[in-house]
Amino acid sequence: MCGIVGLFLKDQALEPRLGAMLADMLVTMSDRGPDSAGIAVYGSAEPGLKVTLQSTAPETDFDALKAALTAEGHPCDFTRKDTHAIFSFETPCLDRLRELLAGGFPSLTLMSQGEAIEIFKEVGLPRDVVARFGIGEMAGTHGVGHTRLATESAVTTNGAHPFSTGADQCLVHNGSLSNHNNLRRTLARDGITFETENDSEVAAAYLTHKMQAGANLGAALEAGLDDLDGFYTFVVGTKDGFGVLRDPIACKPAVLAETEQYVAFGSEYRAFVGLPGIDTARIWEPEPATVYFWER
């Protein structure tokens, strides 16, 4: 099952409402996946580095990490949101941050990094997850969300979607890949590391790897039609927009809606019912093996 939503705003006047609209869409999809949920929100890009971290010991981890980084000459600040925190750095220090997480902070997990993206995900129903992080109060330009029914890996926070494997990139997935273990081994030989056993993380890493080799998102998605076996609907977020791709058989449900104010994606039409102007939107089912992408 699993439920996916996505919202890309064309109208800047709607940006203060992005979180509220996206949260409502995701909650509507709750019965497609009750075990965990997550949302990626893209705000205005800012200079420097923004990192979202999740902790199983948030009362102590975030302050301790800030102290360690500051002592090494990497001044930073953070805003805590429940089990997550958004760290801001004036100058990039991602390599050192990863070393610290691996060596001294085993209860911390890097959720996302870049200039615009923030990812929040936890075990639980969408209504509880969005309430914990105050998603409904967040502003932004676009975002994607996912509610999960686990089929190939454990119900954990790390196994929830979205998966982020590159700067300002994320992926959510409905379906199942049949060749992800072989692809995982191939990517590992090229230096790609993985946090979970989830096949969707492999798909995200595959796209990141292609783009690091010089492909744009559209070309990376097109290449996936040859290299990714199974059935899937992907919604992929980038700093400037989001893309949609279904496998050639396209057995997983998917609907797109577009107005002068926004583009919306949902696993089912009912995800759109609370959106403004949906009664006049162009609504269609995305074609199999066809890349759709919107950017600002």
Protein backbone atom coordinates (compact mmCIF):
# COMPACT_ATOMS: atom_id res chain seq x y z
CA MET A 1 0.00 0.00 0.00
CA CYS A 2 1.66 3.24 1.27
CA GLY A 3 0.40 6.70 0.48
CA ILE A 4 2.29 9.53 -1.21
CA VAL A 5 1.48 13.23 -1.44
CA GLY A 6 3.34 16.12 -3.02
CA LEU A 7 2.66 19.83 -3.42
CA PHE A 8 4.55 22.34 -5.55
CA LEU A 9 3.39 25.95 -5.17
CA LYS A 10 3.37 28.33 -8.11
CA ASP A 11 1.62 31.09 -6.15
CA GLN A 12 3.84 32.71 -3.50
CA ALA A 13 0.74 33.79 -1.58
CA LEU A 14 0.16 30.14 -0.64
CA GLU A 15 3.63 29.57 0.81
CA PRO A 16 2.62 30.31 4.45
CA ARG A 17 0.02 27.53 4.08
CA LEU A 18 2.25 24.86 2.56
CA GLY A 19 2.64 22.83 5.75
CA ALA A 20 -1.05 22.95 6.58
CA MET A 21 -2.11 21.84 3.10
CA LEU A 22 0.53 19.12 2.86
CA ALA A 23 -0.31 17.81 6.34
CA ASP A 24 -4.01 17.63 5.50
CA MET A 25 -3.22 15.71 2.31
CA LEU A 26 -1.06 13.23 4.21
CA VAL A 27 -3.56 12.65 7.02
CA THR A 28 -6.19 11.89 4.38
CA MET A 29 -3.95 9.05 3.14
CA SER A 30 -3.55 7.49 6.62
CA ASP A 31 -5.31 4.21 5.89
CA ARG A 32 -2.84 3.47 3.09
CA GLY A 33 -0.07 3.08 5.66
CA PRO A 34 -0.52 3.32 9.44
CA ASP A 35 2.92 2.39 10.75
CA SER A 36 5.05 5.51 10.14
CA ALA A 37 4.97 8.83 8.35
CA GLY A 38 7.25 11.61 7.19
CA ILE A 39 7.32 14.93 5.37
CA ALA A 40 10.03 16.85 3.54
CA VAL A 41 9.48 20.62 3.49
CA TYR A 42 11.43 22.95 1.21
CA GLY A 43 11.75 26.54 2.37
CA SER A 44 13.68 29.38 0.82
CA ALA A 45 17.29 28.39 0.13
CA GLU A 46 19.79 30.01 2.48
CA PRO A 47 23.59 30.30 2.25
CA GLY A 48 25.60 27.80 4.24
CA LEU A 49 24.44 24.37 5.35
CA LYS A 50 21.22 23.23 6.97
CA VAL A 51 21.09 19.73 8.48
CA THR A 52 18.13 17.91 9.99
CA LEU A 53 19.05 15.37 12.68
CA GLN A 54 16.91 12.86 14.56
CA SER A 55 17.79 11.55 18.01
CA THR A 56 16.63 8.86 20.39
CA ALA A 57 18.05 11.03 23.19
CA PRO A 58 17.10 14.55 22.09
CA GLU A 59 17.30 16.07 25.59
CA THR A 60 21.09 15.72 25.58
CA ASP A 61 22.32 14.88 22.08
CA PHE A 62 21.73 18.18 20.31
CA ASP A 63 23.42 20.36 22.94
CA ALA A 64 26.36 17.95 23.14
CA LEU A 65 26.81 17.90 19.37
CA LYS A 66 26.69 21.68 19.17
CA ALA A 67 29.34 21.94 21.88
CA ALA A 68 31.60 19.44 20.12
CA LEU A 69 31.34 21.17 16.76
CA THR A 70 31.80 24.65 18.21
CA ALA A 71 34.90 23.52 20.12
CA GLU A 72 36.40 22.35 16.82
CA GLY A 73 35.80 25.68 15.11
CA HIS A 74 32.47 24.86 13.45
CA PRO A 75 30.06 27.36 15.03
CA CYS A 76 26.43 26.37 14.63
CA ASP A 77 22.98 26.82 16.05
CA PHE A 78 19.93 24.59 16.09
CA THR A 79 16.19 24.64 16.50
CA ARG A 80 14.72 21.60 18.18
CA LYS A 81 11.41 20.09 17.05
CA ASP A 82 10.55 17.12 19.28
CA THR A 83 13.00 14.30 18.36
CA HIS A 84 14.50 16.32 15.49
CA ALA A 85 16.66 19.41 15.28
CA ILE A 86 17.62 21.68 12.40
CA PHE A 87 21.29 22.67 12.64
CA SER A 88 22.52 25.71 10.72
CA PHE A 89 26.15 26.30 9.75
CA GLU A 90 27.61 29.40 8.11
CA THR A 91 30.26 27.27 6.40
CA PRO A 92 29.92 23.63 5.32
CA CYS A 93 31.38 20.96 7.63
CA LEU A 94 29.39 17.93 6.54
CA ASP A 95 32.32 15.51 6.44
CA ARG A 96 33.31 16.31 10.03
CA LEU A 97 29.68 16.14 11.15
CA ARG A 98 29.36 12.64 9.66
CA GLU A 99 32.57 11.58 11.43
CA LEU A 100 31.23 12.79 14.77
CA LEU A 101 27.90 11.05 14.27
CA ALA A 102 29.64 7.77 13.42
CA GLY A 103 32.16 7.99 16.24
CA GLY A 104 30.52 9.57 19.26
CA PHE A 105 26.79 10.00 18.72
CA PRO A 106 25.26 6.60 17.89
CA SER A 107 21.77 7.81 18.85
CA LEU A 108 21.82 10.55 16.19
CA THR A 109 20.75 10.04 12.56
CA LEU A 110 21.18 12.50 9.71
CA MET A 111 17.78 12.98 8.04
CA SER A 112 18.66 15.58 5.39
CA GLN A 113 21.20 18.21 4.40
CA GLY A 114 21.29 21.11 1.97
CA GLU A 115 20.21 24.72 1.70
CA ALA A 116 16.41 24.34 1.71
CA ILE A 117 15.23 20.88 2.80
CA GLU A 118 14.01 19.78 6.23
CA ILE A 119 12.78 16.21 6.83
CA PHE A 120 10.68 15.04 9.77
CA LYS A 121 9.66 11.40 10.19
CA GLU A 122 8.73 9.03 12.98
CA VAL A 123 6.79 5.86 13.74
CA GLY A 124 3.07 6.53 14.13
CA LEU A 125 -0.01 7.75 12.33
CA PRO A 126 0.31 10.83 10.10
CA ARG A 127 -1.93 12.93 12.34
CA ASP A 128 0.37 12.24 15.31
CA VAL A 129 3.59 12.78 13.37
CA VAL A 130 2.53 16.11 11.86
CA ALA A 131 1.31 17.28 15.28
CA ARG A 132 4.59 16.37 16.99
CA PHE A 133 6.63 18.50 14.59
CA GLY A 134 4.17 21.33 14.00
CA ILE A 135 4.08 20.63 10.26
CA GLY A 136 0.82 22.56 9.90
CA GLU A 137 2.57 25.79 10.93
CA MET A 138 5.45 25.50 8.45
CA ALA A 139 5.85 27.68 5.39
CA GLY A 140 7.64 26.69 2.22
CA THR A 141 7.66 26.46 -1.54
CA HIS A 142 7.02 22.73 -1.99
CA GLY A 143 7.15 19.41 -0.20
CA VAL A 144 6.42 15.69 -0.27
CA GLY A 145 4.99 13.29 2.29
CA HIS A 146 4.60 9.56 2.82
CA THR A 147 2.62 7.27 5.08
CA ARG A 148 4.01 3.74 5.18
CA LEU A 149 2.79 0.17 5.32
CA ALA A 150 6.03 -1.78 5.82
CA THR A 151 6.49 -4.77 3.53
CA GLU A 152 10.23 -5.36 3.18
CA SER A 153 11.81 -3.96 6.34
CA ALA A 154 11.11 -3.25 10.00
CA VAL A 155 8.85 -0.49 11.28
CA THR A 156 11.43 2.04 12.47
CA THR A 157 12.02 5.76 12.21
CA ASN A 158 14.96 5.22 9.86
CA GLY A 159 12.84 2.93 7.68
CA ALA A 160 10.18 5.60 7.23
CA HIS A 161 10.10 7.84 4.16
CA PRO A 162 11.29 10.29 2.80
CA PHE A 163 14.83 9.11 2.17
CA SER A 164 17.49 11.74 1.52
CA THR A 165 20.81 10.65 0.01
CA GLY A 166 22.04 13.93 -1.50
CA ALA A 167 21.94 17.66 -0.93
CA ASP A 168 18.36 18.97 -1.04
CA GLN A 169 17.16 15.67 -2.53
CA CYS A 170 14.58 13.23 -1.21
CA LEU A 171 12.48 10.34 -2.46
CA VAL A 172 9.22 8.69 -1.43
CA HIS A 173 8.09 5.40 -2.93
CA ASN A 174 4.97 3.29 -3.24
CA GLY A 175 5.68 -0.24 -4.46
CA SER A 176 8.54 -2.71 -4.27
CA LEU A 177 11.83 -3.14 -6.11
CA SER A 178 12.86 -6.70 -6.98
CA ASN A 179 16.55 -6.06 -7.69
CA HIS A 180 17.44 -3.70 -4.86
CA ASN A 181 19.90 -6.09 -3.16
CA ASN A 182 22.01 -6.46 -6.30
CA LEU A 183 21.83 -2.71 -6.90
CA ARG A 184 22.80 -2.04 -3.29
CA ARG A 185 25.95 -4.14 -3.72
CA THR A 186 26.81 -2.35 -6.96
CA LEU A 187 26.39 1.09 -5.39
CA ALA A 188 28.35 0.04 -2.29
CA ARG A 189 31.31 -0.82 -4.51
CA ASP A 190 31.18 2.78 -5.74
CA GLY A 191 31.37 4.08 -2.17
CA ILE A 192 27.67 4.60 -1.43
CA THR A 193 26.66 3.84 2.17
CA PHE A 194 23.21 2.86 3.44
CA GLU A 195 21.44 3.40 6.76
CA THR A 196 18.61 0.86 6.35
CA GLU A 197 17.51 -2.29 4.52
CA ASN A 198 14.70 -0.39 2.81
CA ASP A 199 14.53 -0.76 -0.98
CA SER A 200 13.41 2.86 -1.26
CA GLU A 201 16.73 4.08 0.15
CA VAL A 202 18.44 2.16 -2.65
CA ALA A 203 16.27 3.97 -5.22
CA ALA A 204 17.14 7.33 -3.66
CA ALA A 205 20.85 6.50 -3.62
CA TYR A 206 20.69 5.32 -7.23
CA LEU A 207 19.29 8.68 -8.37
CA THR A 208 21.83 10.61 -6.30
CA HIS A 209 24.65 8.52 -7.75
CA LYS A 210 23.47 9.22 -11.30
CA MET A 211 23.26 12.95 -10.63
CA GLN A 212 26.69 13.03 -9.01
CA ALA A 213 27.97 11.50 -12.26
CA GLY A 214 26.54 14.43 -14.21
CA ALA A 215 22.93 13.50 -15.04
CA ASN A 216 20.10 15.86 -14.26
CA LEU A 217 17.07 14.52 -12.40
CA GLY A 218 15.14 13.82 -15.59
CA ALA A 219 18.00 11.78 -17.06
CA ALA A 220 18.50 9.92 -13.77
CA LEU A 221 14.82 8.97 -13.65
CA GLU A 222 14.90 7.87 -17.29
CA ALA A 223 17.93 5.66 -16.56
CA GLY A 224 16.01 4.09 -13.70
CA LEU A 225 13.49 2.69 -16.14
CA ASP A 226 16.25 0.37 -17.40
CA ASP A 227 18.03 -0.31 -14.11
CA LEU A 228 15.22 -0.59 -11.51
CA ASP A 229 13.10 -3.73 -11.63
CA GLY A 230 9.77 -4.05 -9.86
CA PHE A 231 6.73 -1.87 -9.49
CA TYR A 232 6.96 1.66 -8.17
CA THR A 233 5.70 5.18 -8.07
CA PHE A 234 8.41 7.68 -7.11
CA VAL A 235 7.99 11.27 -6.07
CA VAL A 236 11.39 12.97 -5.87
CA GLY A 237 12.05 16.35 -4.29
CA THR A 238 14.86 18.72 -5.24
CA LYS A 239 15.76 22.24 -4.15
CA ASP A 240 13.81 23.72 -7.06
CA GLY A 241 10.92 21.33 -7.59
CA PHE A 242 9.68 17.76 -7.63
CA GLY A 243 9.38 14.93 -10.12
CA VAL A 244 7.07 11.93 -10.56
CA LEU A 245 7.82 8.58 -12.21
CA ARG A 246 5.80 5.36 -12.49
CA ASP A 247 7.19 2.04 -13.69
CA PRO A 248 6.20 0.75 -17.16
CA ILE A 249 3.34 -1.37 -15.76
CA ALA A 250 2.08 1.38 -13.41
CA CYS A 251 0.00 -0.82 -11.14
CA LYS A 252 0.30 1.52 -8.14
CA PRO A 253 -2.32 4.30 -7.97
CA ALA A 254 -1.30 7.89 -8.74
CA VAL A 255 -3.11 11.14 -9.54
CA LEU A 256 -1.84 14.60 -10.52
CA ALA A 257 -3.71 17.90 -10.29
CA GLU A 258 -2.60 21.28 -11.64
CA THR A 259 -3.98 24.80 -11.34
CA GLU A 260 -2.48 28.24 -11.80
CA GLN A 261 -1.57 28.16 -8.09
CA TYR A 262 -0.02 24.71 -7.60
CA VAL A 263 0.76 21.19 -8.79
CA ALA A 264 -0.36 18.39 -6.46
CA PHE A 265 0.32 14.66 -6.38
CA GLY A 266 -1.64 12.04 -4.46
CA SER A 267 -1.91 8.28 -4.35
CA GLU A 268 -5.67 8.86 -4.48
CA TYR A 269 -7.87 11.76 -5.58
CA ARG A 270 -9.26 12.24 -2.08
CA ALA A 271 -5.90 13.66 -0.99
CA PHE A 272 -6.83 16.80 -2.99
CA VAL A 273 -10.27 17.55 -1.56
CA GLY A 274 -9.07 20.29 0.81
CA LEU A 275 -6.96 22.16 -1.75
CA PRO A 276 -8.14 25.57 -2.95
CA GLY A 277 -9.58 25.60 -6.46
CA ILE A 278 -9.44 21.83 -6.86
CA ASP A 279 -12.84 21.86 -8.55
CA THR A 280 -11.33 23.70 -11.53
CA ALA A 281 -8.00 21.85 -11.63
CA ARG A 282 -6.71 19.78 -14.51
CA ILE A 283 -6.64 16.25 -13.07
CA TRP A 284 -5.05 13.21 -14.72
CA GLU A 285 -3.34 9.90 -14.08
CA PRO A 286 0.39 10.10 -14.88
CA GLU A 287 1.38 7.87 -17.78
CA PRO A 288 3.56 4.77 -17.23
CA ALA A 289 7.33 5.16 -17.81
CA THR A 290 6.97 8.94 -18.20
CA VAL A 291 8.97 11.52 -16.25
CA TYR A 292 7.04 14.53 -14.94
CA PHE A 293 8.93 17.40 -13.35
CA TRP A 294 8.11 20.92 -12.19
CA GLU A 295 10.64 23.49 -11.01
CA ARG A 296 10.81 27.17 -10.28
